[in-house]
PDB file of N, CA and C in Angstrom:
ATOM      1  N   MET A   1      -3.547   1.841  16.423  1.00  0.00           N
ATOM      2  CA  MET A   1      -2.756   1.918  15.207  1.00  0.00           C
ATOM      3  C   MET A   1      -3.318   3.046  14.337  1.00  0.00           C
ATOM      4  N   GLU A   2      -2.436   3.842  13.775  1.00  0.00           N
ATOM      5  CA  GLU A   2      -2.845   4.947  12.907  1.00  0.00           C
ATOM      6  C   GLU A   2      -3.249   4.418  11.526  1.00  0.00           C
ATOM      7  N   ILE A   3      -4.064   5.202  10.825  1.00  0.00           N
ATOM      8  CA  ILE A   3      -4.571   4.781   9.519  1.00  0.00           C
ATOM      9  C   ILE A   3      -3.443   4.522   8.522  1.00  0.00           C
ATOM     10  N   GLU A   4      -2.381   5.350   8.563  1.00  0.00           N
ATOM     11  CA  GLU A   4      -1.277   5.137   7.627  1.00  0.00           C
ATOM     12  C   GLU A   4      -0.512   3.844   7.935  1.00  0.00           C
ATOM     13  N   GLU A   5      -0.499   3.438   9.194  1.00  0.00           N
ATOM     14  CA  GLU A   5       0.127   2.162   9.563  1.00  0.00           C
ATOM     15  C   GLU A   5      -0.704   0.988   9.043  1.00  0.00           C
ATOM     16  N   VAL A   6      -2.018   1.131   9.132  1.00  0.00           N
ATOM     17  CA  VAL A   6      -2.915   0.083   8.628  1.00  0.00           C
ATOM     18  C   VAL A   6      -2.777  -0.028   7.112  1.00  0.00           C
ATOM     19  N   PHE A   7      -2.747   1.122   6.428  1.00  0.00           N
ATOM     20  CA  PHE A   7      -2.571   1.094   4.971  1.00  0.00           C
ATOM     21  C   PHE A   7      -1.260   0.394   4.615  1.00  0.00           C
ATOM     22  N   GLY A   8      -0.210   0.707   5.346  1.00  0.00           N
ATOM     23  CA  GLY A   8       1.086   0.080   5.106  1.00  0.00           C
ATOM     24  C   GLY A   8       1.047  -1.421   5.277  1.00  0.00           C
ATOM     25  N   LYS A   9       0.323  -1.870   6.282  1.00  0.00           N
ATOM     26  CA  LYS A   9       0.167  -3.309   6.533  1.00  0.00           C
ATOM     27  C   LYS A   9      -0.560  -3.973   5.359  1.00  0.00           C
ATOM     28  N   VAL A  10      -1.620  -3.341   4.887  1.00  0.00           N
ATOM     29  CA  VAL A  10      -2.382  -3.857   3.744  1.00  0.00           C
ATOM     30  C   VAL A  10      -1.494  -3.896   2.502  1.00  0.00           C
ATOM     31  N   LEU A  11      -0.786  -2.808   2.252  1.00  0.00           N
ATOM     32  CA  LEU A  11       0.095  -2.732   1.088  1.00  0.00           C
ATOM     33  C   LEU A  11       1.136  -3.848   1.121  1.00  0.00           C
ATOM     34  N   ARG A  12       1.773  -4.033   2.255  1.00  0.00           N
ATOM     35  CA  ARG A  12       2.811  -5.059   2.385  1.00  0.00           C
ATOM     36  C   ARG A  12       2.234  -6.459   2.167  1.00  0.00           C
ATOM     37  N   GLU A  13       1.071  -6.733   2.751  1.00  0.00           N
ATOM     38  CA  GLU A  13       0.453  -8.053   2.595  1.00  0.00           C
ATOM     39  C   GLU A  13       0.139  -8.359   1.133  1.00  0.00           C
ATOM     40  N   ILE A  14      -0.426  -7.384   0.437  1.00  0.00           N
ATOM     41  CA  ILE A  14      -0.773  -7.602  -0.973  1.00  0.00           C
ATOM     42  C   ILE A  14       0.496  -7.728  -1.815  1.00  0.00           C
ATOM     43  N   ARG A  15       1.486  -6.888  -1.538  1.00  0.00           N
ATOM     44  CA  ARG A  15       2.752  -6.960  -2.284  1.00  0.00           C
ATOM     45  C   ARG A  15       3.389  -8.345  -2.138  1.00  0.00           C
ATOM     46  N   LEU A  16       3.437  -8.848  -0.917  1.00  0.00           N
ATOM     47  CA  LEU A  16       4.029 -10.169  -0.686  1.00  0.00           C
ATOM     48  C   LEU A  16       3.191 -11.283  -1.312  1.00  0.00           C
ATOM     49  N   GLU A  17       1.872 -11.130  -1.259  1.00  0.00           N
ATOM     50  CA  GLU A  17       0.972 -12.105  -1.886  1.00  0.00           C
ATOM     51  C   GLU A  17       1.235 -12.188  -3.389  1.00  0.00           C
ATOM     52  N   LYS A  18       1.527 -11.029  -3.993  1.00  0.00           N
ATOM     53  CA  LYS A  18       1.806 -10.966  -5.435  1.00  0.00           C
ATOM     54  C   LYS A  18       3.269 -11.294  -5.746  1.00  0.00           C
ATOM     55  N   LYS A  19       4.056 -11.548  -4.693  1.00  0.00           N
ATOM     56  CA  LYS A  19       5.467 -11.933  -4.811  1.00  0.00           C
ATOM     57  C   LYS A  19       6.341 -10.855  -5.448  1.00  0.00           C
ATOM     58  N   PHE A  20       6.071  -9.597  -5.098  1.00  0.00           N
ATOM     59  CA  PHE A  20       6.895  -8.478  -5.550  1.00  0.00           C
ATOM     60  C   PHE A  20       7.827  -8.048  -4.429  1.00  0.00           C
ATOM     61  N   SER A  21       9.044  -7.702  -4.791  1.00  0.00           N
ATOM     62  CA  SER A  21       9.917  -7.025  -3.830  1.00  0.00           C
ATOM     63  C   SER A  21       9.505  -5.552  -3.825  1.00  0.00           C
ATOM     64  N   GLN A  22       9.962  -4.817  -2.842  1.00  0.00           N
ATOM     65  CA  GLN A  22       9.687  -3.378  -2.826  1.00  0.00           C
ATOM     66  C   GLN A  22      10.268  -2.727  -4.076  1.00  0.00           C
ATOM     67  N   GLU A  23      11.448  -3.158  -4.471  1.00  0.00           N
ATOM     68  CA  GLU A  23      12.122  -2.614  -5.658  1.00  0.00           C
ATOM     69  C   GLU A  23      11.297  -2.865  -6.919  1.00  0.00           C
ATOM     70  N   GLU A  24      10.785  -4.079  -7.069  1.00  0.00           N
ATOM     71  CA  GLU A  24       9.979  -4.415  -8.249  1.00  0.00           C
ATOM     72  C   GLU A  24       8.697  -3.596  -8.291  1.00  0.00           C
ATOM     73  N   LEU A  25       8.018  -3.507  -7.160  1.00  0.00           N
ATOM     74  CA  LEU A  25       6.778  -2.733  -7.123  1.00  0.00           C
ATOM     75  C   LEU A  25       7.046  -1.267  -7.418  1.00  0.00           C
ATOM     76  N   ALA A  26       8.100  -0.734  -6.840  1.00  0.00           N
ATOM     77  CA  ALA A  26       8.449   0.667  -7.080  1.00  0.00           C
ATOM     78  C   ALA A  26       8.684   0.916  -8.565  1.00  0.00           C
ATOM     79  N   HIS A  27       9.413   0.028  -9.209  1.00  0.00           N
ATOM     80  CA  HIS A  27       9.708   0.178 -10.637  1.00  0.00           C
ATOM     81  C   HIS A  27       8.421   0.148 -11.469  1.00  0.00           C
ATOM     82  N   ILE A  28       7.560  -0.803 -11.184  1.00  0.00           N
ATOM     83  CA  ILE A  28       6.299  -0.942 -11.918  1.00  0.00           C
ATOM     84  C   ILE A  28       5.420   0.297 -11.753  1.00  0.00           C
ATOM     85  N   CYS A  29       5.415   0.855 -10.542  1.00  0.00           N
ATOM     86  CA  CYS A  29       4.531   1.984 -10.224  1.00  0.00           C
ATOM     87  C   CYS A  29       5.153   3.346 -10.512  1.00  0.00           C
ATOM     88  N   GLY A  30       6.434   3.372 -10.842  1.00  0.00           N
ATOM     89  CA  GLY A  30       7.106   4.649 -11.067  1.00  0.00           C
ATOM     90  C   GLY A  30       7.367   5.402  -9.776  1.00  0.00           C
ATOM     91  N   LEU A  31       7.580   4.657  -8.695  1.00  0.00           N
ATOM     92  CA  LEU A  31       7.846   5.255  -7.389  1.00  0.00           C
ATOM     93  C   LEU A  31       9.237   4.837  -6.927  1.00  0.00           C
ATOM     94  N   ASP A  32       9.703   5.454  -5.866  1.00  0.00           N
ATOM     95  CA  ASP A  32      10.997   5.099  -5.297  1.00  0.00           C
ATOM     96  C   ASP A  32      10.824   3.981  -4.271  1.00  0.00           C
ATOM     97  N   ARG A  33      11.780   3.067  -4.214  1.00  0.00           N
ATOM     98  CA  ARG A  33      11.703   1.958  -3.270  1.00  0.00           C
ATOM     99  C   ARG A  33      11.611   2.442  -1.832  1.00  0.00           C
ATOM    100  N   THR A  34      12.323   3.516  -1.518  1.00  0.00           N
ATOM    101  CA  THR A  34      12.276   4.023  -0.143  1.00  0.00           C
ATOM    102  C   THR A  34      10.886   4.550   0.200  1.00  0.00           C
ATOM    103  N   TYR A  35      10.175   5.082  -0.797  1.00  0.00           N
ATOM    104  CA  TYR A  35       8.814   5.566  -0.563  1.00  0.00           C
ATOM    105  C   TYR A  35       7.886   4.387  -0.257  1.00  0.00           C
ATOM    106  N   ILE A  36       8.053   3.288  -0.991  1.00  0.00           N
ATOM    107  CA  ILE A  36       7.271   2.074  -0.712  1.00  0.00           C
ATOM    108  C   ILE A  36       7.546   1.620   0.721  1.00  0.00           C
ATOM    109  N   SER A  37       8.811   1.581   1.082  1.00  0.00           N
ATOM    110  CA  SER A  37       9.207   1.168   2.432  1.00  0.00           C
ATOM    111  C   SER A  37       8.597   2.074   3.496  1.00  0.00           C
ATOM    112  N   LEU A  38       8.655   3.371   3.271  1.00  0.00           N
ATOM    113  CA  LEU A  38       8.098   4.324   4.237  1.00  0.00           C
ATOM    114  C   LEU A  38       6.587   4.156   4.377  1.00  0.00           C
ATOM    115  N   MET A  39       5.896   3.925   3.260  1.00  0.00           N
ATOM    116  CA  MET A  39       4.445   3.705   3.336  1.00  0.00           C
ATOM    117  C   MET A  39       4.143   2.427   4.106  1.00  0.00           C
ATOM    118  N   GLU A  40       4.886   1.370   3.820  1.00  0.00           N
ATOM    119  CA  GLU A  40       4.638   0.096   4.498  1.00  0.00           C
ATOM    120  C   GLU A  40       4.876   0.190   6.001  1.00  0.00           C
ATOM    121  N   ARG A  41       5.739   1.085   6.418  1.00  0.00           N
ATOM    122  CA  ARG A  41       6.013   1.266   7.846  1.00  0.00           C
ATOM    123  C   ARG A  41       5.133   2.349   8.470  1.00  0.00           C
ATOM    124  N   GLY A  42       4.204   2.903   7.676  1.00  0.00           N
ATOM    125  CA  GLY A  42       3.288   3.909   8.197  1.00  0.00           C
ATOM    126  C   GLY A  42       3.912   5.266   8.404  1.00  0.00           C
ATOM    127  N   LYS A  43       5.017   5.527   7.709  1.00  0.00           N
ATOM    128  CA  LYS A  43       5.730   6.796   7.866  1.00  0.00           C
ATOM    129  C   LYS A  43       5.341   7.828   6.814  1.00  0.00           C
ATOM    130  N   ARG A  44       4.620   7.408   5.791  1.00  0.00           N
ATOM    131  CA  ARG A  44       4.160   8.314   4.739  1.00  0.00           C
ATOM    132  C   ARG A  44       2.701   8.022   4.424  1.00  0.00           C
ATOM    133  N   LYS A  45       1.979   9.080   4.069  1.00  0.00           N
ATOM    134  CA  LYS A  45       0.576   8.956   3.683  1.00  0.00           C
ATOM    135  C   LYS A  45       0.489   9.062   2.162  1.00  0.00           C
ATOM    136  N   PRO A  46      -0.046   8.043   1.503  1.00  0.00           N
ATOM    137  CA  PRO A  46      -0.115   8.092   0.042  1.00  0.00           C
ATOM    138  C   PRO A  46      -1.190   9.056  -0.442  1.00  0.00           C
ATOM    139  N   THR A  47      -0.907   9.700  -1.570  1.00  0.00           N
ATOM    140  CA  THR A  47      -1.909  10.533  -2.226  1.00  0.00           C
ATOM    141  C   THR A  47      -2.848   9.624  -3.016  1.00  0.00           C
ATOM    142  N   ILE A  48      -3.917  10.189  -3.508  1.00  0.00           N
ATOM    143  CA  ILE A  48      -4.849   9.415  -4.331  1.00  0.00           C
ATOM    144  C   ILE A  48      -4.144   8.911  -5.588  1.00  0.00           C
ATOM    145  N   ASN A  49      -3.258   9.729  -6.156  1.00  0.00           N
ATOM    146  CA  ASN A  49      -2.498   9.301  -7.335  1.00  0.00           C
ATOM    147  C   ASN A  49      -1.615   8.103  -7.007  1.00  0.00           C
ATOM    148  N   THR A  50      -1.006   8.121  -5.834  1.00  0.00           N
ATOM    149  CA  THR A  50      -0.150   7.016  -5.413  1.00  0.00           C
ATOM    150  C   THR A  50      -0.967   5.749  -5.200  1.00  0.00           C
ATOM    151  N   ILE A  51      -2.134   5.880  -4.594  1.00  0.00           N
ATOM    152  CA  ILE A  51      -3.003   4.716  -4.388  1.00  0.00           C
ATOM    153  C   ILE A  51      -3.377   4.090  -5.730  1.00  0.00           C
ATOM    154  N   PHE A  52      -3.691   4.919  -6.711  1.00  0.00           N
ATOM    155  CA  PHE A  52      -4.033   4.403  -8.036  1.00  0.00           C
ATOM    156  C   PHE A  52      -2.828   3.745  -8.701  1.00  0.00           C
ATOM    157  N   ALA A  53      -1.643   4.325  -8.557  1.00  0.00           N
ATOM    158  CA  ALA A  53      -0.426   3.737  -9.131  1.00  0.00           C
ATOM    159  C   ALA A  53      -0.119   2.391  -8.478  1.00  0.00           C
ATOM    160  N   LEU A  54      -0.233   2.337  -7.158  1.00  0.00           N
ATOM    161  CA  LEU A  54       0.007   1.085  -6.437  1.00  0.00           C
ATOM    162  C   LEU A  54      -0.993   0.011  -6.866  1.00  0.00           C
ATOM    163  N   ALA A  55      -2.252   0.391  -6.950  1.00  0.00           N
ATOM    164  CA  ALA A  55      -3.293  -0.558  -7.346  1.00  0.00           C
ATOM    165  C   ALA A  55      -3.027  -1.103  -8.744  1.00  0.00           C
ATOM    166  N   SER A  56      -2.645  -0.226  -9.646  1.00  0.00           N
ATOM    167  CA  SER A  56      -2.335  -0.655 -11.008  1.00  0.00           C
ATOM    168  C   SER A  56      -1.159  -1.628 -11.008  1.00  0.00           C
ATOM    169  N   GLY A  57      -0.114  -1.293 -10.281  1.00  0.00           N
ATOM    170  CA  GLY A  57       1.062  -2.156 -10.204  1.00  0.00           C
ATOM    171  C   GLY A  57       0.773  -3.505  -9.573  1.00  0.00           C
ATOM    172  N   LEU A  58      -0.129  -3.511  -8.614  1.00  0.00           N
ATOM    173  CA  LEU A  58      -0.490  -4.748  -7.914  1.00  0.00           C
ATOM    174  C   LEU A  58      -1.629  -5.500  -8.598  1.00  0.00           C
ATOM    175  N   ASN A  59      -2.191  -4.884  -9.646  1.00  0.00           N
ATOM    176  CA  ASN A  59      -3.308  -5.463 -10.386  1.00  0.00           C
ATOM    177  C   ASN A  59      -4.519  -5.712  -9.483  1.00  0.00           C
ATOM    178  N   VAL A  60      -4.835  -4.691  -8.684  1.00  0.00           N
ATOM    179  CA  VAL A  60      -6.031  -4.708  -7.841  1.00  0.00           C
ATOM    180  C   VAL A  60      -6.764  -3.389  -8.047  1.00  0.00           C
ATOM    181  N   LEU A  61      -7.991  -3.327  -7.609  1.00  0.00           N
ATOM    182  CA  LEU A  61      -8.737  -2.074  -7.678  1.00  0.00           C
ATOM    183  C   LEU A  61      -8.263  -1.131  -6.575  1.00  0.00           C
ATOM    184  N   PRO A  62      -8.173   0.166  -6.877  1.00  0.00           N
ATOM    185  CA  PRO A  62      -7.809   1.122  -5.832  1.00  0.00           C
ATOM    186  C   PRO A  62      -8.744   1.016  -4.623  1.00  0.00           C
ATOM    187  N   SER A  63     -10.010   0.794  -4.899  1.00  0.00           N
ATOM    188  CA  SER A  63     -10.986   0.689  -3.806  1.00  0.00           C
ATOM    189  C   SER A  63     -10.692  -0.496  -2.895  1.00  0.00           C
ATOM    190  N   SER A  64     -10.091  -1.553  -3.433  1.00  0.00           N
ATOM    191  CA  SER A  64      -9.785  -2.711  -2.585  1.00  0.00           C
ATOM    192  C   SER A  64      -8.711  -2.370  -1.557  1.00  0.00           C
ATOM    193  N   LEU A  65      -7.759  -1.514  -1.924  1.00  0.00           N
ATOM    194  CA  LEU A  65      -6.746  -1.064  -0.964  1.00  0.00           C
ATOM    195  C   LEU A  65      -7.395  -0.253   0.153  1.00  0.00           C
ATOM    196  N   VAL A  66      -8.307   0.626  -0.242  1.00  0.00           N
ATOM    197  CA  VAL A  66      -8.980   1.487   0.737  1.00  0.00           C
ATOM    198  C   VAL A  66      -9.933   0.678   1.614  1.00  0.00           C
ATOM    199  N   LEU A  67     -10.708  -0.210   1.012  1.00  0.00           N
ATOM    200  CA  LEU A  67     -11.663  -1.013   1.781  1.00  0.00           C
ATOM    201  C   LEU A  67     -10.965  -1.943   2.769  1.00  0.00           C
ATOM    202  N   ALA A  68      -9.860  -2.555   2.342  1.00  0.00           N
ATOM    203  CA  ALA A  68      -9.109  -3.424   3.252  1.00  0.00           C
ATOM    204  C   ALA A  68      -8.551  -2.615   4.416  1.00  0.00           C
ATOM    205  N   THR A  69      -8.060  -1.423   4.111  1.00  0.00           N
ATOM    206  CA  THR A  69      -7.545  -0.537   5.160  1.00  0.00           C
ATOM    207  C   THR A  69      -8.659  -0.150   6.119  1.00  0.00           C
ATOM    208  N   GLU A  70      -9.805   0.213   5.562  1.00  0.00           N
ATOM    209  CA  GLU A  70     -10.947   0.612   6.391  1.00  0.00           C
ATOM    210  C   GLU A  70     -11.397  -0.533   7.296  1.00  0.00           C
ATOM    211  N   SER A  71     -11.476  -1.735   6.754  1.00  0.00           N
ATOM    212  CA  SER A  71     -11.922  -2.889   7.539  1.00  0.00           C
ATOM    213  C   SER A  71     -11.014  -3.151   8.730  1.00  0.00           C
ATOM    214  N   ILE A  72      -9.709  -3.157   8.493  1.00  0.00           N
ATOM    215  CA  ILE A  72      -8.754  -3.414   9.577  1.00  0.00           C
ATOM    216  C   ILE A  72      -8.763  -2.272  10.579  1.00  0.00           C
ATOM    217  N   PHE A  73      -8.815  -1.040  10.083  1.00  0.00           N
ATOM    218  CA  PHE A  73      -8.807   0.129  10.967  1.00  0.00           C
ATOM    219  C   PHE A  73     -10.029   0.123  11.882  1.00  0.00           C
ATOM    220  N   ASP A  74     -11.194  -0.212  11.311  1.00  0.00           N
ATOM    221  CA  ASP A  74     -12.421  -0.268  12.111  1.00  0.00           C
ATOM    222  C   ASP A  74     -12.336  -1.347  13.186  1.00  0.00           C
ATOM    223  N   LEU A  75     -11.737  -2.482  12.862  1.00  0.00           N
ATOM    224  CA  LEU A  75     -11.596  -3.572  13.828  1.00  0.00           C
ATOM    225  C   LEU A  75     -10.668  -3.202  14.978  1.00  0.00           C
ATOM    226  N   GLU A  76      -9.644  -2.423  14.667  1.00  0.00           N
ATOM    227  CA  GLU A  76      -8.644  -2.082  15.674  1.00  0.00           C
ATOM    228  C   GLU A  76      -8.974  -0.809  16.447  1.00  0.00           C
ATOM    229  N   SER A  77     -10.020  -0.113  16.024  1.00  0.00           N
ATOM    230  CA  SER A  77     -10.389   1.143  16.708  1.00  0.00           C
ATOM    231  C   SER A  77     -11.291   0.900  17.892  1.00  0.00           C
TER     232      SER A  77
END
């Protein structure tokens, strides 16, 4: 699995845990819903600014998104 796919999996899990739709998260973060969808499917790589916006919208630390991605990626590599 590619790193962007792992990030997408982490993003989707946290979004669902927080009970946000893609549309709601996009609105909160100032992003487009299709961009959220593309990231969750591993089709787009988020910038550092996007990671910070997502973290803010999800009320988590940006580092938690990266660390969760790193942990899963290391396990699957």
